[in-house]
Every structure is written in structure tokens, then in C-alpha cells.
Amino acid sequence: MADIAAVADVGTRTFFNYFASKEELLFPETDDRVRAAVAAIGSRRPGERPVEVLLRALRAAGDNPGEHLVDDLNARIAALRAQVSRTVPSVSGRAAHAQLVAQREIARQLHIAFPNELDEVGAAALVGAVVGAVSGALTVLFQQPISGAEDGERLHRRIHETTSRVLKPWLASQVETRG
């Protein structure tokens, strides 16, 4: 923290006026992403199935397929966050907790949007399956070396390709049910 504060030309006390913890520095957008997902669920379209709404909500939240990583800075922060989350237990715990809280709220909202199709357990299972699949794939992706020179566009493309491959069964099932 002292290094970060020094680079920012502020004292560590000043740093903690803006961030409650060092872990918060790596996860500033969690609430905004959950709000975006909830808004997308709330604006479901006529005839849209729960999985379609969920996938659209996750895209709106920026979790899938890496839409929030279109610039270099955000891409590098995401790569750093993934690396630190794998190696620093307190950050790993914060990441897991943030994901759990987000999943619970998204599942709750999905259940509210589809009360006749999804009970609370079904909504939680659907959200967990999709988010877990994406998280698992991204964990493997971020285990691969990412060079400091890798730009945001290339990292965004790798994330998009990975998540699209993982979500292919859900996306394909939506095409089949519409066809």
C-alpha cells in the first residue's frame, strides 16, 4: 500500500480515505455491475427465457464477455486482479465474497422476474452454473502468461473467445428453442 500511495503522491492515510481496504482497490465496480445486471433483468423482453435474460444481464454487467475490458487500463487491471486473486488469500477471499453476493442478488432478481419458471433454488442454480462456467474458464485463461505488452483489445478478444466457447451450449439451446 505504501508503494501505491507513493506513486499516487499521497500518504497511506489519504489512500484509506478513498478505499476502505487494499482489496477494495481491486474491486471498485462490483456494485455498478450488479446494478447493471439487475436493470437488464428488470427490462426483460417479451418472450425472453430466463437464460437469455441472464446472459444479457451478465453482458450488461460487464462480466461477460469481457465488455468492460475494451481499454488497456481496464484490461490490465483485470489481469492484475486475476493474478493477485490467485496468489493473495485476502484478495481471493474478497473476490469470492463479491462474486457470491453478486450471484445471490442476480438470482433473487431472476426469480422475481420468472416466479412461475424459477424457484429460488432454480434461479440460484442457473446463475451459479453460468457464472461458474465463465469464472472457471477465465481462471484457466488468466493462468496463462499475459505479457505486460498485451493490449486491452487482445486481452478482450481472448476473454470473449473463451467465454463464448463456454457459453456455447446455453446460446445454442436458445437458438434451438426459437427455431
C-alpha atoms as a PDB file:
ATOM      1  CA  MET A   1       0.000   0.000   0.000  1.00  0.00           C
ATOM      2  CA  ALA A   2       2.880   2.301   0.747  1.00  0.00           C
ATOM      3  CA  ASP A   3       4.183   1.835  -2.816  1.00  0.00           C
ATOM      4  CA  ILE A   4       0.788   2.654  -4.323  1.00  0.00           C
ATOM      5  CA  ALA A   5       0.399   5.707  -2.117  1.00  0.00           C
ATOM      6  CA  ALA A   6       3.903   6.890  -3.025  1.00  0.00           C
ATOM      7  CA  VAL A   7       3.257   6.533  -6.773  1.00  0.00           C
ATOM      8  CA  ALA A   8      -0.019   8.433  -6.340  1.00  0.00           C
ATOM      9  CA  ASP A   9       1.887  11.059  -4.372  1.00  0.00           C
ATOM     10  CA  VAL A  10      -0.388  10.721  -1.331  1.00  0.00           C
ATOM     11  CA  GLY A  11       0.073   9.359   2.148  1.00  0.00           C
ATOM     12  CA  THR A  12      -1.292   5.961   3.144  1.00  0.00           C
ATOM     13  CA  ARG A  13      -3.832   7.682   5.401  1.00  0.00           C
ATOM     14  CA  THR A  14      -5.071   9.665   2.410  1.00  0.00           C
ATOM     15  CA  PHE A  15      -5.313   6.427   0.413  1.00  0.00           C
ATOM     16  CA  PHE A  16      -7.550   4.920   3.077  1.00  0.00           C
ATOM     17  CA  ASN A  17      -9.821   7.979   2.897  1.00  0.00           C
ATOM     18  CA  TYR A  18     -10.760   6.758  -0.595  1.00  0.00           C
ATOM     19  CA  PHE A  19     -10.600   2.983  -0.135  1.00  0.00           C
ATOM     20  CA  ALA A  20     -11.696   1.080   2.972  1.00  0.00           C
ATOM     21  CA  SER A  21      -9.159  -1.669   2.304  1.00  0.00           C
ATOM     22  CA  LYS A  22      -6.470  -2.642  -0.150  1.00  0.00           C
ATOM     23  CA  GLU A  23      -8.814  -5.317  -1.534  1.00  0.00           C
ATOM     24  CA  GLU A  24     -11.397  -2.651  -2.369  1.00  0.00           C
ATOM     25  CA  LEU A  25      -8.884  -1.068  -4.720  1.00  0.00           C
ATOM     26  CA  LEU A  26      -9.105  -4.127  -6.977  1.00  0.00           C
ATOM     27  CA  PHE A  27     -12.915  -4.407  -6.913  1.00  0.00           C
ATOM     28  CA  PRO A  28     -14.295  -0.885  -7.346  1.00  0.00           C
ATOM     29  CA  GLU A  29     -17.010  -1.688  -9.892  1.00  0.00           C
ATOM     30  CA  THR A  30     -18.788  -4.624  -8.226  1.00  0.00           C
ATOM     31  CA  ASP A  31     -21.889  -2.670  -7.129  1.00  0.00           C
ATOM     32  CA  ASP A  32     -22.199  -0.950 -10.508  1.00  0.00           C
ATOM     33  CA  ARG A  33     -22.011  -4.296 -12.295  1.00  0.00           C
ATOM     34  CA  VAL A  34     -24.703  -5.820 -10.083  1.00  0.00           C
ATOM     35  CA  ARG A  35     -26.935  -2.784 -10.673  1.00  0.00           C
ATOM     36  CA  ALA A  36     -26.425  -3.167 -14.436  1.00  0.00           C
ATOM     37  CA  ALA A  37     -27.365  -6.853 -14.265  1.00  0.00           C
ATOM     38  CA  VAL A  38     -30.454  -6.124 -12.157  1.00  0.00           C
ATOM     39  CA  ALA A  39     -31.532  -3.383 -14.578  1.00  0.00           C
ATOM     40  CA  ALA A  40     -31.155  -5.783 -17.510  1.00  0.00           C
ATOM     41  CA  ILE A  41     -33.276  -8.392 -15.737  1.00  0.00           C
ATOM     42  CA  GLY A  42     -35.862  -5.743 -14.910  1.00  0.00           C
ATOM     43  CA  SER A  43     -36.102  -4.788 -18.566  1.00  0.00           C
ATOM     44  CA  ARG A  44     -36.645  -8.292 -19.874  1.00  0.00           C
ATOM     45  CA  ARG A  45     -38.199  -8.506 -23.288  1.00  0.00           C
ATOM     46  CA  PRO A  46     -41.448 -10.291 -24.136  1.00  0.00           C
ATOM     47  CA  GLY A  47     -40.798 -13.972 -24.782  1.00  0.00           C
ATOM     48  CA  GLU A  48     -37.276 -13.875 -23.390  1.00  0.00           C
ATOM     49  CA  ARG A  49     -36.363 -17.035 -21.482  1.00  0.00           C
ATOM     50  CA  PRO A  50     -34.565 -16.967 -18.112  1.00  0.00           C
ATOM     51  CA  VAL A  51     -31.193 -17.996 -19.558  1.00  0.00           C
ATOM     52  CA  GLU A  52     -31.453 -15.330 -22.274  1.00  0.00           C
ATOM     53  CA  VAL A  53     -32.206 -12.676 -19.666  1.00  0.00           C
ATOM     54  CA  LEU A  54     -29.342 -13.925 -17.511  1.00  0.00           C
ATOM     55  CA  LEU A  55     -26.840 -13.851 -20.377  1.00  0.00           C
ATOM     56  CA  ARG A  56     -27.971 -10.358 -21.364  1.00  0.00           C
ATOM     57  CA  ALA A  57     -27.773  -9.261 -17.717  1.00  0.00           C
ATOM     58  CA  LEU A  58     -24.224 -10.579 -17.386  1.00  0.00           C
ATOM     59  CA  ARG A  59     -23.227  -8.825 -20.599  1.00  0.00           C
ATOM     60  CA  ALA A  60     -24.755  -5.605 -19.291  1.00  0.00           C
ATOM     61  CA  ALA A  61     -22.841  -6.076 -16.058  1.00  0.00           C
ATOM     62  CA  GLY A  62     -19.596  -6.377 -17.958  1.00  0.00           C
ATOM     63  CA  ASP A  63     -18.831  -9.862 -16.652  1.00  0.00           C
ATOM     64  CA  ASN A  64     -19.428 -11.492 -19.961  1.00  0.00           C
ATOM     65  CA  PRO A  65     -17.771 -11.495 -22.301  1.00  0.00           C
ATOM     66  CA  GLY A  66     -15.266  -9.002 -21.023  1.00  0.00           C
ATOM     67  CA  GLU A  67     -17.048  -5.981 -22.473  1.00  0.00           C
ATOM     68  CA  HIS A  68     -15.626  -3.711 -19.760  1.00  0.00           C
ATOM     69  CA  LEU A  69     -12.075  -4.538 -20.855  1.00  0.00           C
ATOM     70  CA  VAL A  70     -12.020  -2.633 -24.111  1.00  0.00           C
ATOM     71  CA  ASP A  71      -9.308  -0.252 -22.996  1.00  0.00           C
ATOM     72  CA  ASP A  72      -5.770  -1.033 -21.907  1.00  0.00           C
ATOM     73  CA  LEU A  73      -6.108   0.205 -18.339  1.00  0.00           C
ATOM     74  CA  ASN A  74      -9.192  -1.861 -17.510  1.00  0.00           C
ATOM     75  CA  ALA A  75      -7.729  -4.907 -19.227  1.00  0.00           C
ATOM     76  CA  ARG A  76      -4.510  -4.622 -17.253  1.00  0.00           C
ATOM     77  CA  ILE A  77      -6.421  -4.108 -14.008  1.00  0.00           C
ATOM     78  CA  ALA A  78      -8.477  -7.234 -14.772  1.00  0.00           C
ATOM     79  CA  ALA A  79      -5.339  -9.244 -15.489  1.00  0.00           C
ATOM     80  CA  LEU A  80      -3.677  -7.939 -12.328  1.00  0.00           C
ATOM     81  CA  ARG A  81      -6.810  -8.642 -10.292  1.00  0.00           C
ATOM     82  CA  ALA A  82      -6.934 -12.203 -11.639  1.00  0.00           C
ATOM     83  CA  GLN A  83      -3.252 -12.754 -10.868  1.00  0.00           C
ATOM     84  CA  VAL A  84      -3.460 -11.277  -7.363  1.00  0.00           C
ATOM     85  CA  SER A  85      -6.722 -13.135  -6.677  1.00  0.00           C
ATOM     86  CA  ARG A  86      -4.941 -16.420  -7.316  1.00  0.00           C
ATOM     87  CA  THR A  87      -1.934 -15.643  -5.122  1.00  0.00           C
ATOM     88  CA  VAL A  88      -3.089 -13.419  -2.229  1.00  0.00           C
ATOM     89  CA  PRO A  89      -5.565 -15.144   0.117  1.00  0.00           C
ATOM     90  CA  SER A  90      -7.229 -11.952   1.357  1.00  0.00           C
ATOM     91  CA  VAL A  91      -7.842 -10.806  -2.218  1.00  0.00           C
ATOM     92  CA  SER A  92      -9.018 -14.276  -3.203  1.00  0.00           C
ATOM     93  CA  GLY A  93     -11.464 -14.198  -0.321  1.00  0.00           C
ATOM     94  CA  ARG A  94     -12.689 -10.740  -1.287  1.00  0.00           C
ATOM     95  CA  ALA A  95     -13.169 -11.844  -4.895  1.00  0.00           C
ATOM     96  CA  ALA A  96     -15.104 -14.938  -3.842  1.00  0.00           C
ATOM     97  CA  HIS A  97     -17.269 -12.928  -1.459  1.00  0.00           C
ATOM     98  CA  ALA A  98     -18.008 -10.257  -4.079  1.00  0.00           C
ATOM     99  CA  GLN A  99     -18.969 -12.943  -6.589  1.00  0.00           C
ATOM    100  CA  LEU A 100     -21.200 -14.718  -4.060  1.00  0.00           C
ATOM    101  CA  VAL A 101     -23.026 -11.512  -3.099  1.00  0.00           C
ATOM    102  CA  ALA A 102     -23.488 -10.617  -6.765  1.00  0.00           C
ATOM    103  CA  GLN A 103     -24.747 -14.093  -7.664  1.00  0.00           C
ATOM    104  CA  ARG A 104     -27.256 -14.052  -4.818  1.00  0.00           C
ATOM    105  CA  GLU A 105     -28.709 -10.708  -5.884  1.00  0.00           C
ATOM    106  CA  ILE A 106     -28.825 -11.630  -9.566  1.00  0.00           C
ATOM    107  CA  ALA A 107     -30.500 -14.960  -8.717  1.00  0.00           C
ATOM    108  CA  ARG A 108     -33.016 -13.196  -6.474  1.00  0.00           C
ATOM    109  CA  GLN A 109     -33.903 -10.774  -9.251  1.00  0.00           C
ATOM    110  CA  LEU A 110     -34.133 -13.583 -11.808  1.00  0.00           C
ATOM    111  CA  HIS A 111     -36.539 -15.454  -9.522  1.00  0.00           C
ATOM    112  CA  ILE A 112     -38.658 -12.304  -9.146  1.00  0.00           C
ATOM    113  CA  ALA A 113     -38.715 -11.861 -12.943  1.00  0.00           C
ATOM    114  CA  PHE A 114     -39.686 -15.506 -13.565  1.00  0.00           C
ATOM    115  CA  PRO A 115     -41.636 -16.642 -10.477  1.00  0.00           C
ATOM    116  CA  ASN A 116     -43.583 -19.303 -12.389  1.00  0.00           C
ATOM    117  CA  GLU A 117     -40.497 -20.790 -14.039  1.00  0.00           C
ATOM    118  CA  LEU A 118     -37.732 -20.472 -11.462  1.00  0.00           C
ATOM    119  CA  ASP A 119     -37.973 -21.028  -7.749  1.00  0.00           C
ATOM    120  CA  GLU A 120     -35.187 -19.604  -5.578  1.00  0.00           C
ATOM    121  CA  VAL A 121     -33.098 -22.756  -5.866  1.00  0.00           C
ATOM    122  CA  GLY A 122     -33.523 -22.969  -9.642  1.00  0.00           C
ATOM    123  CA  ALA A 123     -32.585 -19.319 -10.107  1.00  0.00           C
ATOM    124  CA  ALA A 124     -29.502 -19.748  -7.909  1.00  0.00           C
ATOM    125  CA  ALA A 125     -28.523 -22.902  -9.816  1.00  0.00           C
ATOM    126  CA  LEU A 126     -28.857 -21.193 -13.191  1.00  0.00           C
ATOM    127  CA  VAL A 127     -26.823 -18.175 -12.123  1.00  0.00           C
ATOM    128  CA  GLY A 128     -24.239 -20.393 -10.430  1.00  0.00           C
ATOM    129  CA  ALA A 129     -23.881 -22.611 -13.484  1.00  0.00           C
ATOM    130  CA  VAL A 130     -23.355 -19.754 -15.914  1.00  0.00           C
ATOM    131  CA  VAL A 131     -21.141 -17.631 -13.648  1.00  0.00           C
ATOM    132  CA  GLY A 132     -19.201 -20.699 -12.520  1.00  0.00           C
ATOM    133  CA  ALA A 133     -18.558 -21.782 -16.093  1.00  0.00           C
ATOM    134  CA  VAL A 134     -17.289 -18.333 -17.050  1.00  0.00           C
ATOM    135  CA  SER A 135     -15.240 -17.964 -13.860  1.00  0.00           C
ATOM    136  CA  GLY A 136     -13.651 -21.370 -14.320  1.00  0.00           C
ATOM    137  CA  ALA A 137     -12.725 -20.640 -17.900  1.00  0.00           C
ATOM    138  CA  LEU A 138     -11.317 -17.216 -17.064  1.00  0.00           C
ATOM    139  CA  THR A 139      -9.291 -18.698 -14.206  1.00  0.00           C
ATOM    140  CA  VAL A 140      -7.568 -21.002 -16.682  1.00  0.00           C
ATOM    141  CA  LEU A 141      -7.157 -18.185 -19.194  1.00  0.00           C
ATOM    142  CA  PHE A 142      -5.524 -15.938 -16.607  1.00  0.00           C
ATOM    143  CA  GLN A 143      -3.184 -18.740 -15.509  1.00  0.00           C
ATOM    144  CA  GLN A 144      -1.564 -18.434 -18.912  1.00  0.00           C
ATOM    145  CA  PRO A 145       1.147 -15.808 -19.047  1.00  0.00           C
ATOM    146  CA  ILE A 146      -0.165 -12.393 -20.024  1.00  0.00           C
ATOM    147  CA  SER A 147       2.607 -10.133 -21.136  1.00  0.00           C
ATOM    148  CA  GLY A 148       2.775  -6.576 -19.931  1.00  0.00           C
ATOM    149  CA  ALA A 149       2.729  -5.569 -23.579  1.00  0.00           C
ATOM    150  CA  GLU A 150      -0.577  -7.332 -24.226  1.00  0.00           C
ATOM    151  CA  ASP A 151      -3.045  -4.620 -25.071  1.00  0.00           C
ATOM    152  CA  GLY A 152      -6.626  -4.341 -23.919  1.00  0.00           C
ATOM    153  CA  GLU A 153      -8.021  -5.276 -27.311  1.00  0.00           C
ATOM    154  CA  ARG A 154      -6.088  -8.548 -27.478  1.00  0.00           C
ATOM    155  CA  LEU A 155      -6.984  -9.479 -23.899  1.00  0.00           C
ATOM    156  CA  HIS A 156     -10.617  -8.551 -24.582  1.00  0.00           C
ATOM    157  CA  ARG A 157     -10.604 -10.816 -27.644  1.00  0.00           C
ATOM    158  CA  ARG A 158      -9.139 -13.725 -25.635  1.00  0.00           C
ATOM    159  CA  ILE A 159     -11.761 -13.271 -22.904  1.00  0.00           C
ATOM    160  CA  HIS A 160     -14.558 -13.019 -25.470  1.00  0.00           C
ATOM    161  CA  GLU A 161     -13.397 -16.186 -27.274  1.00  0.00           C
ATOM    162  CA  THR A 162     -13.094 -18.098 -24.008  1.00  0.00           C
ATOM    163  CA  THR A 163     -16.462 -17.078 -22.597  1.00  0.00           C
ATOM    164  CA  SER A 164     -18.230 -17.587 -25.943  1.00  0.00           C
ATOM    165  CA  ARG A 165     -16.885 -21.139 -26.088  1.00  0.00           C
ATOM    166  CA  VAL A 166     -18.007 -21.814 -22.510  1.00  0.00           C
ATOM    167  CA  LEU A 167     -21.461 -20.321 -23.067  1.00  0.00           C
ATOM    168  CA  LYS A 168     -21.976 -22.045 -26.434  1.00  0.00           C
ATOM    169  CA  PRO A 169     -24.292 -24.759 -25.012  1.00  0.00           C
ATOM    170  CA  TRP A 170     -26.594 -22.152 -23.457  1.00  0.00           C
ATOM    171  CA  LEU A 171     -26.523 -19.931 -26.518  1.00  0.00           C
ATOM    172  CA  ALA A 172     -27.155 -22.905 -28.832  1.00  0.00           C
ATOM    173  CA  SER A 173     -30.116 -24.044 -26.746  1.00  0.00           C
ATOM    174  CA  GLN A 174     -31.672 -20.601 -27.158  1.00  0.00           C
ATOM    175  CA  VAL A 175     -31.320 -20.771 -30.947  1.00  0.00           C
ATOM    176  CA  GLU A 176     -32.897 -24.262 -30.951  1.00  0.00           C
ATOM    177  CA  THR A 177     -35.878 -23.202 -28.844  1.00  0.00           C
ATOM    178  CA  ARG A 178     -36.533 -20.223 -31.125  1.00  0.00           C
ATOM    179  CA  GLY A 179     -36.043 -22.155 -34.385  1.00  0.00           C
END
